[in-house]
Amino acid sequence: MWIVMTASAHMPSSCKGRYRKIALVEVADPADMPARIDVRDHRVLQVIQEGNYHVGKTKRCAYQRALEDAQVECERLNAVKEDA
């Protein structure tokens, strides 16, 4: 099963503002959630990094748009996996 996970992004000090990273994570058991986005975690099967996005104050910010796109992609990947 695929899930969407977010974490704070490590950006250089020249980047002002808040940034977060978004990743699609495949887990074997949805009840056993991983604590971090890391392929070395035994609960994580696969990780697809989406990137780092600026967190703004509105729903039109890059982070919110990317999060919505990641949710759609997650639903698509889960539907493909169920069909197979």
C-alpha atoms as a PDB file:
ATOM      1  CA  MET A   1       0.000   0.000   0.000  1.00  0.00           C
ATOM      2  CA  TRP A   2       1.214   3.476  -0.881  1.00  0.00           C
ATOM      3  CA  ILE A   3       0.969   6.423   1.519  1.00  0.00           C
ATOM      4  CA  VAL A   4       1.993  10.076   1.364  1.00  0.00           C
ATOM      5  CA  MET A   5       4.507  11.218   3.978  1.00  0.00           C
ATOM      6  CA  THR A   6       5.893  14.684   4.657  1.00  0.00           C
ATOM      7  CA  ALA A   7       8.898  15.889   6.607  1.00  0.00           C
ATOM      8  CA  SER A   8      10.788  19.100   7.138  1.00  0.00           C
ATOM      9  CA  ALA A   9      13.303  19.781   4.388  1.00  0.00           C
ATOM     10  CA  HIS A  10      16.925  20.630   5.059  1.00  0.00           C
ATOM     11  CA  MET A  11      17.583  23.736   3.010  1.00  0.00           C
ATOM     12  CA  PRO A  12      20.588  26.071   2.916  1.00  0.00           C
ATOM     13  CA  SER A  13      20.475  29.158   5.081  1.00  0.00           C
ATOM     14  CA  SER A  14      20.121  31.327   1.970  1.00  0.00           C
ATOM     15  CA  CYS A  15      16.577  29.966   1.494  1.00  0.00           C
ATOM     16  CA  LYS A  16      14.220  32.014   3.635  1.00  0.00           C
ATOM     17  CA  GLY A  17      10.898  30.618   4.769  1.00  0.00           C
ATOM     18  CA  ARG A  18       9.684  27.108   5.567  1.00  0.00           C
ATOM     19  CA  TYR A  19      10.199  24.142   3.254  1.00  0.00           C
ATOM     20  CA  ARG A  20       8.826  20.616   3.495  1.00  0.00           C
ATOM     21  CA  LYS A  21       9.521  17.500   1.496  1.00  0.00           C
ATOM     22  CA  ILE A  22       6.877  15.145   0.149  1.00  0.00           C
ATOM     23  CA  ALA A  23       7.384  11.466  -0.634  1.00  0.00           C
ATOM     24  CA  LEU A  24       5.282   8.510  -1.702  1.00  0.00           C
ATOM     25  CA  VAL A  25       6.125   5.538   0.506  1.00  0.00           C
ATOM     26  CA  GLU A  26       5.148   1.926  -0.086  1.00  0.00           C
ATOM     27  CA  VAL A  27       4.539   0.025   3.158  1.00  0.00           C
ATOM     28  CA  ALA A  28       3.744  -3.642   3.676  1.00  0.00           C
ATOM     29  CA  ASP A  29       1.329  -3.096   6.569  1.00  0.00           C
ATOM     30  CA  PRO A  30      -0.663   0.175   6.739  1.00  0.00           C
ATOM     31  CA  ALA A  31      -1.232  -0.324  10.481  1.00  0.00           C
ATOM     32  CA  ASP A  32       2.545  -0.294  11.092  1.00  0.00           C
ATOM     33  CA  MET A  33       3.463   3.234   9.976  1.00  0.00           C
ATOM     34  CA  PRO A  34       7.140   4.153   9.555  1.00  0.00           C
ATOM     35  CA  ALA A  35       8.435   7.010  11.679  1.00  0.00           C
ATOM     36  CA  ARG A  36      10.493   8.593   8.899  1.00  0.00           C
ATOM     37  CA  ILE A  37      10.967   8.630   5.147  1.00  0.00           C
ATOM     38  CA  ASP A  38      13.814   6.154   4.840  1.00  0.00           C
ATOM     39  CA  VAL A  39      14.211   3.130   2.590  1.00  0.00           C
ATOM     40  CA  ARG A  40      16.413   1.507   5.258  1.00  0.00           C
ATOM     41  CA  ASP A  41      13.420   1.216   7.605  1.00  0.00           C
ATOM     42  CA  HIS A  42      12.240  -2.403   7.672  1.00  0.00           C
ATOM     43  CA  ARG A  43       8.592  -1.308   7.282  1.00  0.00           C
ATOM     44  CA  VAL A  44       9.298   0.611   4.042  1.00  0.00           C
ATOM     45  CA  LEU A  45       9.371  -1.251   0.730  1.00  0.00           C
ATOM     46  CA  GLN A  46       9.950   1.659  -1.659  1.00  0.00           C
ATOM     47  CA  VAL A  47      10.240   5.463  -1.581  1.00  0.00           C
ATOM     48  CA  ILE A  48       9.498   7.944  -4.373  1.00  0.00           C
ATOM     49  CA  GLN A  49      10.794  11.410  -3.423  1.00  0.00           C
ATOM     50  CA  GLU A  50       8.633  14.204  -4.823  1.00  0.00           C
ATOM     51  CA  GLY A  51      10.867  17.092  -3.761  1.00  0.00           C
ATOM     52  CA  ASN A  52      11.134  20.116  -1.458  1.00  0.00           C
ATOM     53  CA  TYR A  53       8.388  22.747  -1.555  1.00  0.00           C
ATOM     54  CA  HIS A  54       7.894  26.178  -0.022  1.00  0.00           C
ATOM     55  CA  VAL A  55       5.107  26.325   2.559  1.00  0.00           C
ATOM     56  CA  GLY A  56       3.062  29.465   2.047  1.00  0.00           C
ATOM     57  CA  LYS A  57       0.060  30.911   3.837  1.00  0.00           C
ATOM     58  CA  THR A  58      -2.634  30.001   1.299  1.00  0.00           C
ATOM     59  CA  LYS A  59      -3.935  26.871  -0.404  1.00  0.00           C
ATOM     60  CA  ARG A  60      -2.256  28.045  -3.613  1.00  0.00           C
ATOM     61  CA  CYS A  61       1.271  27.628  -2.254  1.00  0.00           C
ATOM     62  CA  ALA A  62       3.639  25.166  -3.873  1.00  0.00           C
ATOM     63  CA  TYR A  63       3.500  22.758  -0.934  1.00  0.00           C
ATOM     64  CA  GLN A  64      -0.310  22.456  -0.903  1.00  0.00           C
ATOM     65  CA  ARG A  65      -0.433  21.958  -4.673  1.00  0.00           C
ATOM     66  CA  ALA A  66       2.264  19.277  -4.552  1.00  0.00           C
ATOM     67  CA  LEU A  67       0.551  17.570  -1.609  1.00  0.00           C
ATOM     68  CA  GLU A  68      -2.716  17.350  -3.561  1.00  0.00           C
ATOM     69  CA  ASP A  69      -0.849  15.969  -6.595  1.00  0.00           C
ATOM     70  CA  ALA A  70       0.873  13.398  -4.380  1.00  0.00           C
ATOM     71  CA  GLN A  71      -2.491  12.283  -2.943  1.00  0.00           C
ATOM     72  CA  VAL A  72      -3.844  11.755  -6.470  1.00  0.00           C
ATOM     73  CA  GLU A  73      -0.729   9.807  -7.464  1.00  0.00           C
ATOM     74  CA  CYS A  74      -0.995   7.708  -4.284  1.00  0.00           C
ATOM     75  CA  GLU A  75      -4.611   6.807  -5.069  1.00  0.00           C
ATOM     76  CA  ARG A  76      -3.609   5.900  -8.634  1.00  0.00           C
ATOM     77  CA  LEU A  77      -0.748   3.655  -7.448  1.00  0.00           C
ATOM     78  CA  ASN A  78      -3.013   1.919  -4.930  1.00  0.00           C
ATOM     79  CA  ALA A  79      -5.673   1.336  -7.618  1.00  0.00           C
ATOM     80  CA  VAL A  80      -3.075  -0.157  -9.974  1.00  0.00           C
ATOM     81  CA  LYS A  81      -1.801  -2.439  -7.219  1.00  0.00           C
ATOM     82  CA  GLU A  82      -5.339  -3.655  -6.432  1.00  0.00           C
ATOM     83  CA  ASP A  83      -5.998  -4.435 -10.100  1.00  0.00           C
ATOM     84  CA  ALA A  84      -2.821  -6.488 -10.457  1.00  0.00           C
END
